[in-house]
Amino acid sequence: MKRNLITPFFVLTLVTLCFMSFAWSQAPKPKDYPTRAIEVVVQYGAGGGSDIFVRSLMMPARSQLKVPINVTNLTGGAGVKASTYVLSQPADGYTIYNFSPEQLINTIFGRENYKEFAPLCMVQQDQSIFYVRAESPFKTIQDVIKYAKENPGKLQFTGTTAASPDEVIIMLFAKKAGIKVKYIPFDAAPETHAAVLGGHIDILHEEPGVIMSLIEAKKLRPLIAFTEKRLDKFPDVPTGRELGYDITMGRWRGLCVKKGTPQEVINYLADVFKKCSQDPSYKAIEKANLLDLRPGWKGPEEYGKFWEEEYVRYKEIFDELGYLKKK
């Protein structure tokens, strides 16, 4: 007769080991941190995707960290103004920064150095979509391409800040489609929305969550999505990939601190923010803004490796677009 190898002692031991493994994975709370208010700096204006992301995540974070958390919007210089401010503060974990692709792009153009920051975590990956206002004569992306080819350089796109992920995706699409267009940037997302709604600019590049109310009110109409597959929310909107434009990029969002911040503080904050990213209040906002469609979470080490990979990727794209001067 075969013996039953799964004994009560074995089960108890297994449960104990699992519990110990879980317990060890939790970063311990640093001594005397935090004891005062924390500032989180956002390099974009109020009402945009990054602003919503930070404020949504900080709601559960306040109860987790048990100190006031103040969100500061510091726009200008494609993020350089905000980066300079963060780097002027002590590396003590009391100044947190909304890190995005702009910091990598600014490094490529010599405006700042992303290696002066230490990664905390990545939380979101967005979807990139082109939109026109309801009254636009462009009913499909093919209409846009046809017009642009007949009127080189006349078609205008908008997004936030120059040399941003918005501009990268727009200009990458233009190159693949064989058209010439103009990019008109604004510092704050609501300004880009108003420019397109007012008929001053033809096409908006934006993630869907920020403008969902405008889409549902049929004031803005999506034309093309740069995603791996069609979005359930917009089943009639084709992807760039299916039309022959293999672009699946989207803005990602995370948090960082100044390099030199104690590692125990970094690990603790990353652990706290991971819990916050699973909080029901944050998950509800994430779902409402279609930010739950792509896995976004990365811890400090993985996020740091991701920075390196994205830096190389963006540099290659800017080189391909002819933005980098040849030595």
C-alpha atoms as a PDB file:
ATOM      1  CA  MET A   1       0.000   0.000   0.000  1.00  0.00           C
ATOM      2  CA  LYS A   2       1.313   3.454  -0.948  1.00  0.00           C
ATOM      3  CA  ARG A   3       1.935   5.876   1.836  1.00  0.00           C
ATOM      4  CA  ASN A   4       0.311   9.292   1.809  1.00  0.00           C
ATOM      5  CA  LEU A   5       3.310  11.594   1.637  1.00  0.00           C
ATOM      6  CA  ILE A   6       1.220  14.757   2.255  1.00  0.00           C
ATOM      7  CA  THR A   7       1.139  14.692   6.039  1.00  0.00           C
ATOM      8  CA  PRO A   8      -0.289  17.386   8.355  1.00  0.00           C
ATOM      9  CA  PHE A   9       3.305  18.266   9.323  1.00  0.00           C
ATOM     10  CA  PHE A  10       4.191  18.743   5.634  1.00  0.00           C
ATOM     11  CA  VAL A  11       1.188  21.023   5.073  1.00  0.00           C
ATOM     12  CA  LEU A  12       2.007  23.066   8.193  1.00  0.00           C
ATOM     13  CA  THR A  13       5.621  23.433   7.107  1.00  0.00           C
ATOM     14  CA  LEU A  14       4.597  24.522   3.597  1.00  0.00           C
ATOM     15  CA  VAL A  15       2.156  27.119   4.937  1.00  0.00           C
ATOM     16  CA  THR A  16       4.782  28.430   7.351  1.00  0.00           C
ATOM     17  CA  LEU A  17       7.367  28.778   4.582  1.00  0.00           C
ATOM     18  CA  CYS A  18       4.879  30.584   2.325  1.00  0.00           C
ATOM     19  CA  PHE A  19       3.988  32.975   5.133  1.00  0.00           C
ATOM     20  CA  MET A  20       7.667  33.627   5.901  1.00  0.00           C
ATOM     21  CA  SER A  21       8.406  34.238   2.221  1.00  0.00           C
ATOM     22  CA  PHE A  22       5.519  36.709   2.017  1.00  0.00           C
ATOM     23  CA  ALA A  23       6.638  38.442   5.191  1.00  0.00           C
ATOM     24  CA  TRP A  24      10.236  38.748   3.986  1.00  0.00           C
ATOM     25  CA  SER A  25       9.052  40.293   0.713  1.00  0.00           C
ATOM     26  CA  GLN A  26       7.589  43.260   2.566  1.00  0.00           C
ATOM     27  CA  ALA A  27      10.056  46.146   2.823  1.00  0.00           C
ATOM     28  CA  PRO A  28      10.482  47.185   6.466  1.00  0.00           C
ATOM     29  CA  LYS A  29       9.509  50.694   7.499  1.00  0.00           C
ATOM     30  CA  PRO A  30      12.635  52.859   7.825  1.00  0.00           C
ATOM     31  CA  LYS A  31      13.337  54.377  11.212  1.00  0.00           C
ATOM     32  CA  ASP A  32      11.977  57.933  11.494  1.00  0.00           C
ATOM     33  CA  TYR A  33      10.485  57.954   7.981  1.00  0.00           C
ATOM     34  CA  PRO A  34       8.206  59.554   7.145  1.00  0.00           C
ATOM     35  CA  THR A  35       7.657  62.071   9.919  1.00  0.00           C
ATOM     36  CA  ARG A  36       6.515  65.094   7.898  1.00  0.00           C
ATOM     37  CA  ALA A  37       4.717  66.045   4.696  1.00  0.00           C
ATOM     38  CA  ILE A  38       5.814  64.539   1.382  1.00  0.00           C
ATOM     39  CA  GLU A  39       5.716  66.537  -1.863  1.00  0.00           C
ATOM     40  CA  VAL A  40       4.954  64.832  -5.177  1.00  0.00           C
ATOM     41  CA  VAL A  41       5.952  66.897  -8.210  1.00  0.00           C
ATOM     42  CA  VAL A  42       4.113  66.601 -11.544  1.00  0.00           C
ATOM     43  CA  GLN A  43       5.702  68.236 -14.584  1.00  0.00           C
ATOM     44  CA  TYR A  44       2.345  68.736 -16.330  1.00  0.00           C
ATOM     45  CA  GLY A  45      -0.703  70.878 -15.637  1.00  0.00           C
ATOM     46  CA  ALA A  46      -3.772  69.932 -13.646  1.00  0.00           C
ATOM     47  CA  GLY A  47      -6.366  67.797 -15.393  1.00  0.00           C
ATOM     48  CA  GLY A  48      -4.012  65.771 -17.583  1.00  0.00           C
ATOM     49  CA  GLY A  49      -3.317  62.051 -17.419  1.00  0.00           C
ATOM     50  CA  SER A  50      -0.204  62.364 -15.256  1.00  0.00           C
ATOM     51  CA  ASP A  51      -1.937  64.702 -12.823  1.00  0.00           C
ATOM     52  CA  ILE A  52      -4.896  62.327 -12.505  1.00  0.00           C
ATOM     53  CA  PHE A  53      -2.536  59.375 -12.051  1.00  0.00           C
ATOM     54  CA  VAL A  54      -0.588  60.977  -9.225  1.00  0.00           C
ATOM     55  CA  ARG A  55      -3.582  62.359  -7.372  1.00  0.00           C
ATOM     56  CA  SER A  56      -5.421  59.034  -7.653  1.00  0.00           C
ATOM     57  CA  LEU A  57      -2.478  57.039  -6.321  1.00  0.00           C
ATOM     58  CA  MET A  58      -1.843  59.474  -3.485  1.00  0.00           C
ATOM     59  CA  MET A  59      -5.352  59.083  -2.081  1.00  0.00           C
ATOM     60  CA  PRO A  60      -4.669  55.626  -0.584  1.00  0.00           C
ATOM     61  CA  ALA A  61      -0.999  56.553  -0.026  1.00  0.00           C
ATOM     62  CA  ARG A  62      -1.955  59.166   2.558  1.00  0.00           C
ATOM     63  CA  SER A  63      -3.532  56.548   4.785  1.00  0.00           C
ATOM     64  CA  GLN A  64      -0.629  54.146   4.189  1.00  0.00           C
ATOM     65  CA  LEU A  65       2.142  56.661   4.944  1.00  0.00           C
ATOM     66  CA  LYS A  66       0.144  58.522   7.615  1.00  0.00           C
ATOM     67  CA  VAL A  67       1.552  61.941   6.684  1.00  0.00           C
ATOM     68  CA  PRO A  68       0.234  64.757   4.452  1.00  0.00           C
ATOM     69  CA  ILE A  69       1.072  64.351   0.752  1.00  0.00           C
ATOM     70  CA  ASN A  70       1.041  67.539  -1.322  1.00  0.00           C
ATOM     71  CA  VAL A  71       0.897  67.393  -5.134  1.00  0.00           C
ATOM     72  CA  THR A  72       2.677  70.238  -6.954  1.00  0.00           C
ATOM     73  CA  ASN A  73       2.168  70.922 -10.673  1.00  0.00           C
ATOM     74  CA  LEU A  74       5.336  72.521 -12.057  1.00  0.00           C
ATOM     75  CA  THR A  75       5.112  72.978 -15.831  1.00  0.00           C
ATOM     76  CA  GLY A  76       7.581  74.398 -18.317  1.00  0.00           C
ATOM     77  CA  GLY A  77      10.614  73.387 -20.345  1.00  0.00           C
ATOM     78  CA  ALA A  78       9.210  69.986 -21.328  1.00  0.00           C
ATOM     79  CA  GLY A  79       9.669  68.834 -17.738  1.00  0.00           C
ATOM     80  CA  VAL A  80      13.102  70.378 -17.187  1.00  0.00           C
ATOM     81  CA  LYS A  81      11.754  72.969 -14.737  1.00  0.00           C
ATOM     82  CA  ALA A  82      10.210  70.262 -12.561  1.00  0.00           C
ATOM     83  CA  SER A  83      13.286  68.030 -12.800  1.00  0.00           C
ATOM     84  CA  THR A  84      15.563  70.895 -11.771  1.00  0.00           C
ATOM     85  CA  TYR A  85      13.375  71.589  -8.765  1.00  0.00           C
ATOM     86  CA  VAL A  86      13.355  67.945  -7.640  1.00  0.00           C
ATOM     87  CA  LEU A  87      17.137  67.728  -7.962  1.00  0.00           C
ATOM     88  CA  SER A  88      17.510  70.880  -5.844  1.00  0.00           C
ATOM     89  CA  GLN A  89      15.831  69.115  -2.920  1.00  0.00           C
ATOM     90  CA  PRO A  90      17.542  66.755  -0.439  1.00  0.00           C
ATOM     91  CA  ALA A  91      17.745  63.057  -1.360  1.00  0.00           C
ATOM     92  CA  ASP A  92      15.667  62.023   1.629  1.00  0.00           C
ATOM     93  CA  GLY A  93      12.417  60.618   0.211  1.00  0.00           C
ATOM     94  CA  TYR A  94      10.346  63.701   0.973  1.00  0.00           C
ATOM     95  CA  THR A  95      10.295  64.837  -2.667  1.00  0.00           C
ATOM     96  CA  ILE A  96       8.852  62.308  -5.136  1.00  0.00           C
ATOM     97  CA  TYR A  97       8.738  62.897  -8.889  1.00  0.00           C
ATOM     98  CA  ASN A  98       6.316  61.723 -11.563  1.00  0.00           C
ATOM     99  CA  PHE A  99       8.832  60.138 -13.932  1.00  0.00           C
ATOM    100  CA  SER A 100       7.824  59.783 -17.584  1.00  0.00           C
ATOM    101  CA  PRO A 101       9.460  59.359 -21.008  1.00  0.00           C
ATOM    102  CA  GLU A 102      10.163  63.108 -21.188  1.00  0.00           C
ATOM    103  CA  GLN A 103      13.063  62.711 -18.768  1.00  0.00           C
ATOM    104  CA  LEU A 104      14.667  60.169 -21.090  1.00  0.00           C
ATOM    105  CA  ILE A 105      13.989  62.350 -24.122  1.00  0.00           C
ATOM    106  CA  ASN A 106      15.428  65.421 -22.392  1.00  0.00           C
ATOM    107  CA  THR A 107      18.576  63.415 -21.680  1.00  0.00           C
ATOM    108  CA  ILE A 108      18.889  62.490 -25.351  1.00  0.00           C
ATOM    109  CA  PHE A 109      18.804  66.192 -26.238  1.00  0.00           C
ATOM    110  CA  GLY A 110      21.207  67.165 -23.443  1.00  0.00           C
ATOM    111  CA  ARG A 111      18.682  69.109 -21.366  1.00  0.00           C
ATOM    112  CA  GLU A 112      18.952  66.917 -18.256  1.00  0.00           C
ATOM    113  CA  ASN A 113      20.307  63.553 -17.105  1.00  0.00           C
ATOM    114  CA  TYR A 114      17.799  60.875 -16.119  1.00  0.00           C
ATOM    115  CA  LYS A 115      20.544  59.005 -14.252  1.00  0.00           C
ATOM    116  CA  GLU A 116      20.359  61.655 -11.534  1.00  0.00           C
ATOM    117  CA  PHE A 117      17.099  60.032 -10.452  1.00  0.00           C
ATOM    118  CA  ALA A 118      16.489  56.708  -8.711  1.00  0.00           C
ATOM    119  CA  PRO A 119      13.512  54.586  -9.834  1.00  0.00           C
ATOM    120  CA  LEU A 120      10.696  53.811  -7.398  1.00  0.00           C
ATOM    121  CA  CYS A 121       8.064  52.093  -9.507  1.00  0.00           C
ATOM    122  CA  MET A 122       6.163  52.141 -12.770  1.00  0.00           C
ATOM    123  CA  VAL A 123       2.389  51.941 -12.403  1.00  0.00           C
ATOM    124  CA  GLN A 124       0.700  52.644 -15.737  1.00  0.00           C
ATOM    125  CA  GLN A 125       0.948  52.145 -19.482  1.00  0.00           C
ATOM    126  CA  ASP A 126      -1.411  54.170 -21.643  1.00  0.00           C
ATOM    127  CA  GLN A 127      -2.937  53.740 -25.078  1.00  0.00           C
ATOM    128  CA  SER A 128      -2.159  56.205 -27.859  1.00  0.00           C
ATOM    129  CA  ILE A 129      -5.050  57.303 -30.073  1.00  0.00           C
ATOM    130  CA  PHE A 130      -5.642  60.040 -32.663  1.00  0.00           C
ATOM    131  CA  TYR A 131      -8.907  62.016 -32.411  1.00  0.00           C
ATOM    132  CA  VAL A 132     -10.751  64.655 -34.422  1.00  0.00           C
ATOM    133  CA  ARG A 133     -13.665  66.845 -33.370  1.00  0.00           C
ATOM    134  CA  ALA A 134     -17.174  65.779 -34.297  1.00  0.00           C
ATOM    135  CA  GLU A 135     -17.452  68.361 -37.103  1.00  0.00           C
ATOM    136  CA  SER A 136     -14.182  67.325 -38.731  1.00  0.00           C
ATOM    137  CA  PRO A 137     -14.356  66.354 -42.400  1.00  0.00           C
ATOM    138  CA  PHE A 138     -11.979  63.472 -41.606  1.00  0.00           C
ATOM    139  CA  LYS A 139     -14.110  60.378 -41.026  1.00  0.00           C
ATOM    140  CA  THR A 140     -11.275  57.842 -41.187  1.00  0.00           C
ATOM    141  CA  ILE A 141      -7.501  57.856 -40.846  1.00  0.00           C
ATOM    142  CA  GLN A 142      -7.356  57.213 -44.593  1.00  0.00           C
ATOM    143  CA  ASP A 143      -9.082  60.589 -45.099  1.00  0.00           C
ATOM    144  CA  VAL A 144      -6.342  62.189 -42.998  1.00  0.00           C
ATOM    145  CA  ILE A 145      -3.557  60.571 -45.007  1.00  0.00           C
ATOM    146  CA  LYS A 146      -5.166  61.516 -48.341  1.00  0.00           C
ATOM    147  CA  TYR A 147      -5.528  65.162 -47.285  1.00  0.00           C
ATOM    148  CA  ALA A 148      -1.965  65.316 -45.928  1.00  0.00           C
ATOM    149  CA  LYS A 149      -0.528  63.960 -49.161  1.00  0.00           C
ATOM    150  CA  GLU A 150      -2.482  66.529 -51.173  1.00  0.00           C
ATOM    151  CA  ASN A 151      -1.539  69.352 -48.768  1.00  0.00           C
ATOM    152  CA  PRO A 152       2.027  68.678 -47.491  1.00  0.00           C
ATOM    153  CA  GLY A 153       2.774  70.337 -44.142  1.00  0.00           C
ATOM    154  CA  LYS A 154      -0.679  71.845 -43.715  1.00  0.00           C
ATOM    155  CA  LEU A 155      -2.218  69.233 -41.403  1.00  0.00           C
ATOM    156  CA  GLN A 156      -1.758  70.109 -37.724  1.00  0.00           C
ATOM    157  CA  PHE A 157      -1.474  67.692 -34.780  1.00  0.00           C
ATOM    158  CA  THR A 158      -1.242  68.560 -31.103  1.00  0.00           C
ATOM    159  CA  GLY A 159      -0.051  67.010 -27.848  1.00  0.00           C
ATOM    160  CA  THR A 160       1.715  68.081 -24.676  1.00  0.00           C
ATOM    161  CA  THR A 161       5.210  69.582 -24.910  1.00  0.00           C
ATOM    162  CA  ALA A 162       7.760  69.485 -27.694  1.00  0.00           C
ATOM    163  CA  ALA A 163       9.914  66.387 -28.272  1.00  0.00           C
ATOM    164  CA  SER A 164       7.488  64.374 -26.147  1.00  0.00           C
ATOM    165  CA  PRO A 165       6.043  60.870 -26.604  1.00  0.00           C
ATOM    166  CA  ASP A 166       3.120  62.628 -28.293  1.00  0.00           C
ATOM    167  CA  GLU A 167       5.409  64.131 -30.914  1.00  0.00           C
ATOM    168  CA  VAL A 168       7.347  60.880 -31.290  1.00  0.00           C
ATOM    169  CA  ILE A 169       4.208  58.869 -32.081  1.00  0.00           C
ATOM    170  CA  ILE A 170       2.772  61.548 -34.388  1.00  0.00           C
ATOM    171  CA  MET A 171       5.971  61.976 -36.376  1.00  0.00           C
ATOM    172  CA  LEU A 172       6.665  58.243 -36.468  1.00  0.00           C
ATOM    173  CA  PHE A 173       3.195  57.704 -37.915  1.00  0.00           C
ATOM    174  CA  ALA A 174       3.719  60.530 -40.424  1.00  0.00           C
ATOM    175  CA  LYS A 175       6.955  58.967 -41.624  1.00  0.00           C
ATOM    176  CA  LYS A 176       5.440  55.500 -41.974  1.00  0.00           C
ATOM    177  CA  ALA A 177       2.416  56.961 -43.796  1.00  0.00           C
ATOM    178  CA  GLY A 178       4.612  59.056 -46.088  1.00  0.00           C
ATOM    179  CA  ILE A 179       3.118  62.423 -45.101  1.00  0.00           C
ATOM    180  CA  LYS A 180       4.386  65.756 -43.773  1.00  0.00           C
ATOM    181  CA  VAL A 181       2.552  67.353 -40.847  1.00  0.00           C
ATOM    182  CA  LYS A 182       3.006  70.085 -38.219  1.00  0.00           C
ATOM    183  CA  TYR A 183       3.178  69.431 -34.494  1.00  0.00           C
ATOM    184  CA  ILE A 184       1.794  72.205 -32.256  1.00  0.00           C
ATOM    185  CA  PRO A 185       2.514  71.457 -28.565  1.00  0.00           C
ATOM    186  CA  PHE A 186       0.906  72.881 -25.416  1.00  0.00           C
ATOM    187  CA  ASP A 187       2.044  72.671 -21.784  1.00  0.00           C
ATOM    188  CA  ALA A 188      -1.245  71.308 -20.433  1.00  0.00           C
ATOM    189  CA  ALA A 189      -3.518  68.576 -21.808  1.00  0.00           C
ATOM    190  CA  PRO A 190      -6.776  70.605 -21.474  1.00  0.00           C
ATOM    191  CA  GLU A 191      -5.252  73.215 -23.815  1.00  0.00           C
ATOM    192  CA  THR A 192      -4.743  70.585 -26.513  1.00  0.00           C
ATOM    193  CA  HIS A 193      -8.333  69.409 -26.110  1.00  0.00           C
ATOM    194  CA  ALA A 194      -9.664  72.955 -26.429  1.00  0.00           C
ATOM    195  CA  ALA A 195      -7.547  73.640 -29.521  1.00  0.00           C
ATOM    196  CA  VAL A 196      -9.021  70.657 -31.371  1.00  0.00           C
ATOM    197  CA  LEU A 197     -12.577  71.181 -30.129  1.00  0.00           C
ATOM    198  CA  GLY A 198     -12.366  74.790 -31.262  1.00  0.00           C
ATOM    199  CA  GLY A 199     -11.265  73.806 -34.749  1.00  0.00           C
ATOM    200  CA  HIS A 200      -7.868  75.515 -34.407  1.00  0.00           C
ATOM    201  CA  ILE A 201      -5.922  72.264 -34.800  1.00  0.00           C
ATOM    202  CA  ASP A 202      -6.922  69.213 -36.844  1.00  0.00           C
ATOM    203  CA  ILE A 203      -5.926  66.170 -34.798  1.00  0.00           C
ATOM    204  CA  LEU A 204      -5.338  65.387 -31.133  1.00  0.00           C
ATOM    205  CA  HIS A 205      -3.035  62.712 -29.776  1.00  0.00           C
ATOM    206  CA  GLU A 206      -4.242  61.605 -26.343  1.00  0.00           C
ATOM    207  CA  GLU A 207      -4.953  58.613 -24.124  1.00  0.00           C
ATOM    208  CA  PRO A 208      -8.676  57.813 -23.915  1.00  0.00           C
ATOM    209  CA  GLY A 209      -9.264  58.020 -20.186  1.00  0.00           C
ATOM    210  CA  VAL A 210      -8.595  61.746 -19.895  1.00  0.00           C
ATOM    211  CA  ILE A 211     -11.184  62.639 -22.533  1.00  0.00           C
ATOM    212  CA  MET A 212     -13.705  59.833 -22.087  1.00  0.00           C
ATOM    213  CA  SER A 213     -16.513  62.294 -21.317  1.00  0.00           C
ATOM    214  CA  LEU A 214     -15.809  64.130 -24.594  1.00  0.00           C
ATOM    215  CA  ILE A 215     -15.783  60.856 -26.529  1.00  0.00           C
ATOM    216  CA  GLU A 216     -19.022  59.658 -24.936  1.00  0.00           C
ATOM    217  CA  ALA A 217     -20.624  63.044 -25.645  1.00  0.00           C
ATOM    218  CA  LYS A 218     -19.521  62.560 -29.292  1.00  0.00           C
ATOM    219  CA  LYS A 219     -17.499  65.772 -29.251  1.00  0.00           C
ATOM    220  CA  LEU A 220     -14.307  63.912 -30.118  1.00  0.00           C
ATOM    221  CA  ARG A 221     -14.063  60.927 -32.464  1.00  0.00           C
ATOM    222  CA  PRO A 222     -11.210  58.365 -32.359  1.00  0.00           C
ATOM    223  CA  LEU A 223      -9.661  57.473 -35.718  1.00  0.00           C
ATOM    224  CA  ILE A 224      -6.800  55.074 -35.003  1.00  0.00           C
ATOM    225  CA  ALA A 225      -5.365  53.326 -31.945  1.00  0.00           C
ATOM    226  CA  PHE A 226      -1.689  52.415 -31.594  1.00  0.00           C
ATOM    227  CA  THR A 227      -2.310  49.248 -29.624  1.00  0.00           C
ATOM    228  CA  GLU A 228      -1.623  45.545 -30.116  1.00  0.00           C
ATOM    229  CA  LYS A 229      -5.301  44.847 -30.743  1.00  0.00           C
ATOM    230  CA  ARG A 230      -8.578  46.762 -30.997  1.00  0.00           C
ATOM    231  CA  LEU A 231      -9.886  48.165 -27.743  1.00  0.00           C
ATOM    232  CA  ASP A 232     -13.166  46.733 -26.485  1.00  0.00           C
ATOM    233  CA  LYS A 233     -14.321  50.271 -25.729  1.00  0.00           C
ATOM    234  CA  PHE A 234     -13.774  51.241 -29.391  1.00  0.00           C
ATOM    235  CA  PRO A 235     -14.372  48.086 -31.449  1.00  0.00           C
ATOM    236  CA  ASP A 236     -14.789  50.043 -34.690  1.00  0.00           C
ATOM    237  CA  VAL A 237     -11.490  51.911 -34.367  1.00  0.00           C
ATOM    238  CA  PRO A 238      -8.694  50.180 -36.313  1.00  0.00           C
ATOM    239  CA  THR A 239      -5.195  49.744 -34.914  1.00  0.00           C
ATOM    240  CA  GLY A 240      -2.128  51.107 -36.638  1.00  0.00           C
ATOM    241  CA  ARG A 241      -0.754  47.595 -36.869  1.00  0.00           C
ATOM    242  CA  GLU A 242      -3.717  46.248 -38.877  1.00  0.00           C
ATOM    243  CA  LEU A 243      -3.421  49.177 -41.301  1.00  0.00           C
ATOM    244  CA  GLY A 244       0.279  48.585 -41.854  1.00  0.00           C
ATOM    245  CA  TYR A 245       1.692  51.115 -39.358  1.00  0.00           C
ATOM    246  CA  ASP A 246       3.303  48.924 -36.712  1.00  0.00           C
ATOM    247  CA  ILE A 247       3.337  51.370 -33.808  1.00  0.00           C
ATOM    248  CA  THR A 248       2.235  50.146 -30.390  1.00  0.00           C
ATOM    249  CA  MET A 249       3.773  52.805 -28.174  1.00  0.00           C
ATOM    250  CA  GLY A 250       2.023  54.587 -25.352  1.00  0.00           C
ATOM    251  CA  ARG A 251       2.948  56.898 -22.513  1.00  0.00           C
ATOM    252  CA  TRP A 252       3.964  55.177 -19.289  1.00  0.00           C
ATOM    253  CA  ARG A 253       3.936  56.669 -15.825  1.00  0.00           C
ATOM    254  CA  GLY A 254       5.827  55.981 -12.665  1.00  0.00           C
ATOM    255  CA  LEU A 255       7.569  57.564  -9.716  1.00  0.00           C
ATOM    256  CA  CYS A 256      11.157  58.286  -8.794  1.00  0.00           C
ATOM    257  CA  VAL A 257      13.260  60.139  -6.239  1.00  0.00           C
ATOM    258  CA  LYS A 258      16.567  61.934  -6.355  1.00  0.00           C
ATOM    259  CA  LYS A 259      19.545  59.602  -6.668  1.00  0.00           C
ATOM    260  CA  GLY A 260      21.209  59.130  -3.311  1.00  0.00           C
ATOM    261  CA  THR A 261      17.953  58.551  -1.459  1.00  0.00           C
ATOM    262  CA  PRO A 262      18.519  55.695   1.044  1.00  0.00           C
ATOM    263  CA  GLN A 263      17.695  52.322  -0.505  1.00  0.00           C
ATOM    264  CA  GLU A 264      15.566  51.355   2.491  1.00  0.00           C
ATOM    265  CA  VAL A 265      13.361  54.400   1.833  1.00  0.00           C
ATOM    266  CA  ILE A 266      13.106  53.514  -1.881  1.00  0.00           C
ATOM    267  CA  ASN A 267      12.144  49.918  -1.113  1.00  0.00           C
ATOM    268  CA  TYR A 268       9.599  50.999   1.484  1.00  0.00           C
ATOM    269  CA  LEU A 269       7.952  53.575  -0.803  1.00  0.00           C
ATOM    270  CA  ALA A 270       7.823  51.084  -3.694  1.00  0.00           C
ATOM    271  CA  ASP A 271       6.119  48.577  -1.427  1.00  0.00           C
ATOM    272  CA  VAL A 272       3.607  51.179  -0.237  1.00  0.00           C
ATOM    273  CA  PHE A 273       2.798  52.307  -3.777  1.00  0.00           C
ATOM    274  CA  LYS A 274       2.342  48.722  -4.929  1.00  0.00           C
ATOM    275  CA  LYS A 275      -0.304  48.298  -2.226  1.00  0.00           C
ATOM    276  CA  CYS A 276      -1.879  51.605  -3.287  1.00  0.00           C
ATOM    277  CA  SER A 277      -2.021  50.445  -6.915  1.00  0.00           C
ATOM    278  CA  GLN A 278      -4.247  47.563  -5.747  1.00  0.00           C
ATOM    279  CA  ASP A 279      -6.459  49.728  -3.544  1.00  0.00           C
ATOM    280  CA  PRO A 280     -10.157  49.679  -4.600  1.00  0.00           C
ATOM    281  CA  SER A 281     -10.269  53.487  -4.867  1.00  0.00           C
ATOM    282  CA  TYR A 282      -7.317  53.533  -7.283  1.00  0.00           C
ATOM    283  CA  LYS A 283      -8.481  50.463  -9.221  1.00  0.00           C
ATOM    284  CA  ALA A 284     -11.855  52.105  -9.835  1.00  0.00           C
ATOM    285  CA  ILE A 285     -10.207  55.202 -11.332  1.00  0.00           C
ATOM    286  CA  GLU A 286      -7.784  53.039 -13.308  1.00  0.00           C
ATOM    287  CA  LYS A 287     -10.639  51.043 -14.820  1.00  0.00           C
ATOM    288  CA  ALA A 288     -12.741  54.131 -15.588  1.00  0.00           C
ATOM    289  CA  ASN A 289      -9.794  55.657 -17.454  1.00  0.00           C
ATOM    290  CA  LEU A 290      -8.946  52.449 -19.396  1.00  0.00           C
ATOM    291  CA  LEU A 291      -5.587  52.210 -17.642  1.00  0.00           C
ATOM    292  CA  ASP A 292      -6.050  48.567 -16.730  1.00  0.00           C
ATOM    293  CA  LEU A 293      -5.645  47.246 -20.288  1.00  0.00           C
ATOM    294  CA  ARG A 294      -1.854  46.911 -20.220  1.00  0.00           C
ATOM    295  CA  PRO A 295       0.184  45.533 -17.298  1.00  0.00           C
ATOM    296  CA  GLY A 296       2.019  48.483 -15.812  1.00  0.00           C
ATOM    297  CA  TRP A 297       3.658  47.593 -12.504  1.00  0.00           C
ATOM    298  CA  LYS A 298       7.445  47.430 -12.218  1.00  0.00           C
ATOM    299  CA  GLY A 299       9.471  47.610  -9.006  1.00  0.00           C
ATOM    300  CA  PRO A 300      12.660  49.689  -8.528  1.00  0.00           C
ATOM    301  CA  GLU A 301      15.121  47.295 -10.167  1.00  0.00           C
ATOM    302  CA  GLU A 302      12.880  46.315 -13.072  1.00  0.00           C
ATOM    303  CA  TYR A 303      11.845  49.941 -13.616  1.00  0.00           C
ATOM    304  CA  GLY A 304      15.491  50.998 -13.744  1.00  0.00           C
ATOM    305  CA  LYS A 305      16.225  48.405 -16.446  1.00  0.00           C
ATOM    306  CA  PHE A 306      13.135  49.624 -18.305  1.00  0.00           C
ATOM    307  CA  TRP A 307      14.541  53.174 -18.286  1.00  0.00           C
ATOM    308  CA  GLU A 308      17.699  51.925 -19.979  1.00  0.00           C
ATOM    309  CA  GLU A 309      15.736  50.017 -22.625  1.00  0.00           C
ATOM    310  CA  GLU A 310      13.382  52.933 -23.342  1.00  0.00           C
ATOM    311  CA  TYR A 311      16.290  55.388 -23.549  1.00  0.00           C
ATOM    312  CA  VAL A 312      17.856  53.306 -26.317  1.00  0.00           C
ATOM    313  CA  ARG A 313      14.469  52.915 -28.035  1.00  0.00           C
ATOM    314  CA  TYR A 314      13.695  56.646 -28.049  1.00  0.00           C
ATOM    315  CA  LYS A 315      17.203  57.527 -29.175  1.00  0.00           C
ATOM    316  CA  GLU A 316      16.857  55.174 -32.139  1.00  0.00           C
ATOM    317  CA  ILE A 317      13.476  56.695 -33.049  1.00  0.00           C
ATOM    318  CA  PHE A 318      14.753  60.293 -32.858  1.00  0.00           C
ATOM    319  CA  ASP A 319      17.721  59.279 -34.974  1.00  0.00           C
ATOM    320  CA  GLU A 320      15.373  57.645 -37.487  1.00  0.00           C
ATOM    321  CA  LEU A 321      13.249  60.804 -37.584  1.00  0.00           C
ATOM    322  CA  GLY A 322      16.329  62.923 -38.237  1.00  0.00           C
ATOM    323  CA  TYR A 323      16.069  64.877 -34.971  1.00  0.00           C
ATOM    324  CA  LEU A 324      19.642  64.099 -33.859  1.00  0.00           C
ATOM    325  CA  LYS A 325      22.454  65.990 -35.512  1.00  0.00           C
ATOM    326  CA  LYS A 326      25.111  63.826 -37.079  1.00  0.00           C
ATOM    327  CA  LYS A 327      28.605  64.444 -35.735  1.00  0.00           C
END
